[in-house]
């Protein structure tokens, strides 16, 4: 096993397996003392390593800290920084800061929801796309802004949403086709 445990996580189709997540959580818990004050740092580190907070991880943290599942869930759901579903391969972020909102951010968000068939906070069943809205990306001069897989798409329009998604959908479709042909040989 490599000395850097972060490097030991192998992602399958962009997703971590339950076994890998559980192993990562065990490694993280091993570095902390069993004190309630460690709850938020534990949640943050697990999310950083795993990409989100799986239900099983929350239970393991609760057991470790001798807290109820409800207490841990209550803290985790209180803060917007925590996610409970994995992000899609093409994580899509819509800025809803003042400039973006005034320039049509809400219409952009609605167009993305229609085009991706998911709502804010959801990940598509195939794991390819997830959708998030944020208060500000910091690109106000380029409003409205959408970020897809860390690429900024400035001055977005509702009609431009479909066009912006084309390369990502094609890449996802290509991987899907590749997987099908590889499994048939």
C-alpha atoms as a PDB file:
ATOM      1  CA  UNK A   1       0.000   0.000   0.000  1.00  0.00           C
ATOM      2  CA  UNK A   2       1.428   3.428  -0.884  1.00  0.00           C
ATOM      3  CA  UNK A   3       2.525   5.627   1.985  1.00  0.00           C
ATOM      4  CA  UNK A   4       0.258   8.452   0.818  1.00  0.00           C
ATOM      5  CA  UNK A   5      -3.187   6.997   1.478  1.00  0.00           C
ATOM      6  CA  UNK A   6      -4.849   9.614  -0.750  1.00  0.00           C
ATOM      7  CA  UNK A   7      -3.038   8.075  -3.712  1.00  0.00           C
ATOM      8  CA  UNK A   8      -4.374   4.637  -2.790  1.00  0.00           C
ATOM      9  CA  UNK A   9      -7.951   5.533  -3.672  1.00  0.00           C
ATOM     10  CA  UNK A  10      -8.671   4.208  -7.142  1.00  0.00           C
ATOM     11  CA  UNK A  11     -11.759   5.564  -8.772  1.00  0.00           C
ATOM     12  CA  UNK A  12     -13.872   3.325 -10.981  1.00  0.00           C
ATOM     13  CA  UNK A  13     -15.654   5.383 -13.645  1.00  0.00           C
ATOM     14  CA  UNK A  14     -15.037   8.431 -11.469  1.00  0.00           C
ATOM     15  CA  UNK A  15     -16.722   6.866  -8.434  1.00  0.00           C
ATOM     16  CA  UNK A  16     -15.121   5.466  -5.304  1.00  0.00           C
ATOM     17  CA  UNK A  17     -16.263   2.000  -4.208  1.00  0.00           C
ATOM     18  CA  UNK A  18     -17.984   1.491  -0.842  1.00  0.00           C
ATOM     19  CA  UNK A  19     -15.062  -0.641   0.326  1.00  0.00           C
ATOM     20  CA  UNK A  20     -12.558   2.087  -0.597  1.00  0.00           C
ATOM     21  CA  UNK A  21     -14.674   4.711   1.160  1.00  0.00           C
ATOM     22  CA  UNK A  22     -14.854   2.589   4.294  1.00  0.00           C
ATOM     23  CA  UNK A  23     -11.078   2.039   4.226  1.00  0.00           C
ATOM     24  CA  UNK A  24     -10.482   5.782   3.795  1.00  0.00           C
ATOM     25  CA  UNK A  25     -12.787   6.575   6.730  1.00  0.00           C
ATOM     26  CA  UNK A  26     -10.976   4.021   8.926  1.00  0.00           C
ATOM     27  CA  UNK A  27      -7.616   5.590   8.046  1.00  0.00           C
ATOM     28  CA  UNK A  28      -8.927   9.073   8.820  1.00  0.00           C
ATOM     29  CA  UNK A  29     -10.489   8.024  12.128  1.00  0.00           C
ATOM     30  CA  UNK A  30      -7.167   6.470  13.134  1.00  0.00           C
ATOM     31  CA  UNK A  31      -5.572   9.932  13.155  1.00  0.00           C
ATOM     32  CA  UNK A  32      -8.097  11.564  15.497  1.00  0.00           C
ATOM     33  CA  UNK A  33      -8.861  11.355  19.181  1.00  0.00           C
ATOM     34  CA  UNK A  34     -12.373  10.283  20.171  1.00  0.00           C
ATOM     35  CA  UNK A  35     -13.557  13.761  21.103  1.00  0.00           C
ATOM     36  CA  UNK A  36     -16.731  15.485  19.914  1.00  0.00           C
ATOM     37  CA  UNK A  37     -14.737  18.593  19.023  1.00  0.00           C
ATOM     38  CA  UNK A  38     -13.289  16.586  16.119  1.00  0.00           C
ATOM     39  CA  UNK A  39     -16.665  16.088  14.408  1.00  0.00           C
ATOM     40  CA  UNK A  40     -16.437  18.889  11.834  1.00  0.00           C
ATOM     41  CA  UNK A  41     -12.770  18.254  10.958  1.00  0.00           C
ATOM     42  CA  UNK A  42     -13.624  14.562  10.507  1.00  0.00           C
ATOM     43  CA  UNK A  43     -16.578  15.369   8.250  1.00  0.00           C
ATOM     44  CA  UNK A  44     -14.423  17.755   6.221  1.00  0.00           C
ATOM     45  CA  UNK A  45     -11.573  15.292   5.786  1.00  0.00           C
ATOM     46  CA  UNK A  46     -13.867  12.420   4.845  1.00  0.00           C
ATOM     47  CA  UNK A  47     -15.606  14.578   2.249  1.00  0.00           C
ATOM     48  CA  UNK A  48     -12.263  15.714   0.845  1.00  0.00           C
ATOM     49  CA  UNK A  49     -11.023  12.127   0.497  1.00  0.00           C
ATOM     50  CA  UNK A  50     -14.236  10.402  -0.574  1.00  0.00           C
ATOM     51  CA  UNK A  51     -15.863  13.303  -2.417  1.00  0.00           C
ATOM     52  CA  UNK A  52     -19.026  13.308  -0.323  1.00  0.00           C
ATOM     53  CA  UNK A  53     -20.356  11.958   2.989  1.00  0.00           C
ATOM     54  CA  UNK A  54     -21.801   8.471   2.527  1.00  0.00           C
ATOM     55  CA  UNK A  55     -24.380   7.352   5.096  1.00  0.00           C
ATOM     56  CA  UNK A  56     -22.080   4.570   6.272  1.00  0.00           C
ATOM     57  CA  UNK A  57     -19.275   7.090   6.878  1.00  0.00           C
ATOM     58  CA  UNK A  58     -21.588   9.214   9.029  1.00  0.00           C
ATOM     59  CA  UNK A  59     -22.474   6.111  11.053  1.00  0.00           C
ATOM     60  CA  UNK A  60     -18.801   5.199  11.464  1.00  0.00           C
ATOM     61  CA  UNK A  61     -17.990   8.728  12.649  1.00  0.00           C
ATOM     62  CA  UNK A  62     -20.919   8.636  15.089  1.00  0.00           C
ATOM     63  CA  UNK A  63     -19.749   5.301  16.514  1.00  0.00           C
ATOM     64  CA  UNK A  64     -16.158   6.557  16.758  1.00  0.00           C
ATOM     65  CA  UNK A  65     -17.162   9.726  18.636  1.00  0.00           C
ATOM     66  CA  UNK A  66     -19.797   7.891  20.723  1.00  0.00           C
ATOM     67  CA  UNK A  67     -22.512  10.173  19.347  1.00  0.00           C
ATOM     68  CA  UNK A  68     -25.897   9.275  17.934  1.00  0.00           C
ATOM     69  CA  UNK A  69     -26.356   9.077  14.157  1.00  0.00           C
ATOM     70  CA  UNK A  70     -28.947  11.854  14.503  1.00  0.00           C
ATOM     71  CA  UNK A  71     -26.459  14.219  16.185  1.00  0.00           C
ATOM     72  CA  UNK A  72     -23.874  13.698  13.433  1.00  0.00           C
ATOM     73  CA  UNK A  73     -26.528  14.025  10.709  1.00  0.00           C
ATOM     74  CA  UNK A  74     -27.829  17.222  12.330  1.00  0.00           C
ATOM     75  CA  UNK A  75     -24.402  18.855  12.283  1.00  0.00           C
ATOM     76  CA  UNK A  76     -23.593  17.665   8.758  1.00  0.00           C
ATOM     77  CA  UNK A  77     -26.898  18.908   7.315  1.00  0.00           C
ATOM     78  CA  UNK A  78     -26.611  22.249   9.096  1.00  0.00           C
ATOM     79  CA  UNK A  79     -23.594  23.301   7.014  1.00  0.00           C
ATOM     80  CA  UNK A  80     -23.878  23.912   3.263  1.00  0.00           C
ATOM     81  CA  UNK A  81     -20.328  22.702   2.688  1.00  0.00           C
ATOM     82  CA  UNK A  82     -21.273  19.046   3.133  1.00  0.00           C
ATOM     83  CA  UNK A  83     -22.607  16.824   0.328  1.00  0.00           C
ATOM     84  CA  UNK A  84     -24.429  13.528   0.731  1.00  0.00           C
ATOM     85  CA  UNK A  85     -24.332  12.367  -2.874  1.00  0.00           C
ATOM     86  CA  UNK A  86     -21.232  11.984  -5.018  1.00  0.00           C
ATOM     87  CA  UNK A  87     -20.515  14.700  -7.541  1.00  0.00           C
ATOM     88  CA  UNK A  88     -20.903  13.825 -11.182  1.00  0.00           C
ATOM     89  CA  UNK A  89     -17.916  13.473 -13.465  1.00  0.00           C
ATOM     90  CA  UNK A  90     -18.998  16.757 -15.067  1.00  0.00           C
ATOM     91  CA  UNK A  91     -19.873  18.771 -11.990  1.00  0.00           C
ATOM     92  CA  UNK A  92     -21.804  21.834 -13.142  1.00  0.00           C
ATOM     93  CA  UNK A  93     -21.958  24.994 -11.048  1.00  0.00           C
ATOM     94  CA  UNK A  94     -24.250  27.933 -11.711  1.00  0.00           C
ATOM     95  CA  UNK A  95     -23.379  31.284 -10.191  1.00  0.00           C
ATOM     96  CA  UNK A  96     -26.330  33.013  -8.573  1.00  0.00           C
ATOM     97  CA  UNK A  97     -24.444  36.014  -7.203  1.00  0.00           C
ATOM     98  CA  UNK A  98     -25.982  39.442  -7.716  1.00  0.00           C
ATOM     99  CA  UNK A  99     -24.436  40.092 -11.145  1.00  0.00           C
ATOM    100  CA  UNK A 100     -25.247  36.614 -12.468  1.00  0.00           C
ATOM    101  CA  UNK A 101     -28.731  36.643 -10.985  1.00  0.00           C
ATOM    102  CA  UNK A 102     -29.519  40.015 -12.576  1.00  0.00           C
ATOM    103  CA  UNK A 103     -28.081  38.839 -15.909  1.00  0.00           C
ATOM    104  CA  UNK A 104     -30.424  35.822 -16.048  1.00  0.00           C
ATOM    105  CA  UNK A 105     -28.832  33.249 -13.762  1.00  0.00           C
ATOM    106  CA  UNK A 106     -32.201  31.778 -12.793  1.00  0.00           C
ATOM    107  CA  UNK A 107     -33.056  31.116 -16.454  1.00  0.00           C
ATOM    108  CA  UNK A 108     -29.643  29.481 -16.952  1.00  0.00           C
ATOM    109  CA  UNK A 109     -30.240  27.256 -13.939  1.00  0.00           C
ATOM    110  CA  UNK A 110     -33.681  26.221 -15.208  1.00  0.00           C
ATOM    111  CA  UNK A 111     -32.222  25.445 -18.651  1.00  0.00           C
ATOM    112  CA  UNK A 112     -29.540  23.253 -17.074  1.00  0.00           C
ATOM    113  CA  UNK A 113     -32.118  21.407 -14.972  1.00  0.00           C
ATOM    114  CA  UNK A 114     -34.135  20.678 -18.126  1.00  0.00           C
ATOM    115  CA  UNK A 115     -31.119  19.733 -20.238  1.00  0.00           C
ATOM    116  CA  UNK A 116     -29.564  17.473 -17.580  1.00  0.00           C
ATOM    117  CA  UNK A 117     -32.868  16.118 -16.202  1.00  0.00           C
ATOM    118  CA  UNK A 118     -31.698  16.767 -12.633  1.00  0.00           C
ATOM    119  CA  UNK A 119     -32.374  19.407 -10.008  1.00  0.00           C
ATOM    120  CA  UNK A 120     -29.873  21.435  -7.976  1.00  0.00           C
ATOM    121  CA  UNK A 121     -28.069  19.171  -5.524  1.00  0.00           C
ATOM    122  CA  UNK A 122     -28.651  16.039  -7.585  1.00  0.00           C
ATOM    123  CA  UNK A 123     -26.366  13.777  -9.571  1.00  0.00           C
ATOM    124  CA  UNK A 124     -27.595  12.028 -12.714  1.00  0.00           C
ATOM    125  CA  UNK A 125     -28.172   8.284 -12.349  1.00  0.00           C
ATOM    126  CA  UNK A 126     -25.299   7.512 -14.720  1.00  0.00           C
ATOM    127  CA  UNK A 127     -22.958   9.591 -12.530  1.00  0.00           C
ATOM    128  CA  UNK A 128     -21.950  11.887 -15.376  1.00  0.00           C
ATOM    129  CA  UNK A 129     -23.517  15.204 -14.350  1.00  0.00           C
ATOM    130  CA  UNK A 130     -24.255  16.918 -11.062  1.00  0.00           C
ATOM    131  CA  UNK A 131     -25.710  20.383 -10.583  1.00  0.00           C
ATOM    132  CA  UNK A 132     -24.972  22.962  -7.910  1.00  0.00           C
ATOM    133  CA  UNK A 133     -25.778  26.633  -7.419  1.00  0.00           C
ATOM    134  CA  UNK A 134     -23.377  28.883  -5.575  1.00  0.00           C
ATOM    135  CA  UNK A 135     -23.587  32.397  -4.205  1.00  0.00           C
ATOM    136  CA  UNK A 136     -20.665  33.739  -6.240  1.00  0.00           C
ATOM    137  CA  UNK A 137     -17.890  32.368  -8.426  1.00  0.00           C
ATOM    138  CA  UNK A 138     -16.039  35.692  -8.594  1.00  0.00           C
ATOM    139  CA  UNK A 139     -16.371  36.298 -12.333  1.00  0.00           C
ATOM    140  CA  UNK A 140     -18.908  39.112 -12.118  1.00  0.00           C
ATOM    141  CA  UNK A 141     -17.665  40.846 -15.292  1.00  0.00           C
ATOM    142  CA  UNK A 142     -18.477  37.652 -17.223  1.00  0.00           C
ATOM    143  CA  UNK A 143     -22.016  37.235 -15.842  1.00  0.00           C
ATOM    144  CA  UNK A 144     -23.908  35.016 -16.028  1.00  0.00           C
ATOM    145  CA  UNK A 145     -21.358  32.278 -15.468  1.00  0.00           C
ATOM    146  CA  UNK A 146     -21.546  28.486 -15.490  1.00  0.00           C
ATOM    147  CA  UNK A 147     -18.612  26.267 -14.576  1.00  0.00           C
ATOM    148  CA  UNK A 148     -18.561  22.737 -15.975  1.00  0.00           C
ATOM    149  CA  UNK A 149     -15.772  20.439 -14.807  1.00  0.00           C
ATOM    150  CA  UNK A 150     -13.669  23.446 -13.743  1.00  0.00           C
ATOM    151  CA  UNK A 151     -14.070  25.219 -17.123  1.00  0.00           C
ATOM    152  CA  UNK A 152     -15.681  28.653 -16.974  1.00  0.00           C
ATOM    153  CA  UNK A 153     -18.444  29.334 -19.500  1.00  0.00           C
ATOM    154  CA  UNK A 154     -18.967  33.136 -19.498  1.00  0.00           C
ATOM    155  CA  UNK A 155     -21.953  35.208 -20.594  1.00  0.00           C
ATOM    156  CA  UNK A 156     -24.157  32.136 -20.693  1.00  0.00           C
ATOM    157  CA  UNK A 157     -27.643  32.256 -22.178  1.00  0.00           C
ATOM    158  CA  UNK A 158     -30.457  29.743 -21.827  1.00  0.00           C
ATOM    159  CA  UNK A 159     -29.898  28.816 -25.480  1.00  0.00           C
ATOM    160  CA  UNK A 160     -26.151  28.499 -24.908  1.00  0.00           C
ATOM    161  CA  UNK A 161     -26.614  25.864 -22.211  1.00  0.00           C
ATOM    162  CA  UNK A 162     -27.253  23.071 -24.709  1.00  0.00           C
ATOM    163  CA  UNK A 163     -24.239  24.099 -26.791  1.00  0.00           C
ATOM    164  CA  UNK A 164     -21.963  24.304 -23.729  1.00  0.00           C
ATOM    165  CA  UNK A 165     -22.951  20.772 -22.691  1.00  0.00           C
ATOM    166  CA  UNK A 166     -22.298  19.159 -26.100  1.00  0.00           C
ATOM    167  CA  UNK A 167     -18.597  18.293 -25.630  1.00  0.00           C
ATOM    168  CA  UNK A 168     -19.222  16.858 -22.163  1.00  0.00           C
ATOM    169  CA  UNK A 169     -22.188  14.788 -23.317  1.00  0.00           C
ATOM    170  CA  UNK A 170     -20.168  13.558 -26.304  1.00  0.00           C
ATOM    171  CA  UNK A 171     -17.270  12.592 -24.057  1.00  0.00           C
ATOM    172  CA  UNK A 172     -19.646  10.804 -21.669  1.00  0.00           C
ATOM    173  CA  UNK A 173     -21.362   9.057 -24.587  1.00  0.00           C
ATOM    174  CA  UNK A 174     -17.977   8.039 -26.026  1.00  0.00           C
ATOM    175  CA  UNK A 175     -16.968   6.461 -22.737  1.00  0.00           C
ATOM    176  CA  UNK A 176     -20.321   4.694 -22.581  1.00  0.00           C
ATOM    177  CA  UNK A 177     -19.893   3.371 -26.125  1.00  0.00           C
ATOM    178  CA  UNK A 178     -16.293   2.389 -25.359  1.00  0.00           C
ATOM    179  CA  UNK A 179     -17.427   0.465 -22.291  1.00  0.00           C
ATOM    180  CA  UNK A 180     -20.112  -1.380 -24.242  1.00  0.00           C
ATOM    181  CA  UNK A 181     -17.780  -2.400 -27.059  1.00  0.00           C
ATOM    182  CA  UNK A 182     -15.075  -3.426 -24.595  1.00  0.00           C
ATOM    183  CA  UNK A 183     -17.464  -5.697 -22.697  1.00  0.00           C
ATOM    184  CA  UNK A 184     -18.664  -7.399 -25.876  1.00  0.00           C
ATOM    185  CA  UNK A 185     -15.208  -8.481 -27.073  1.00  0.00           C
END
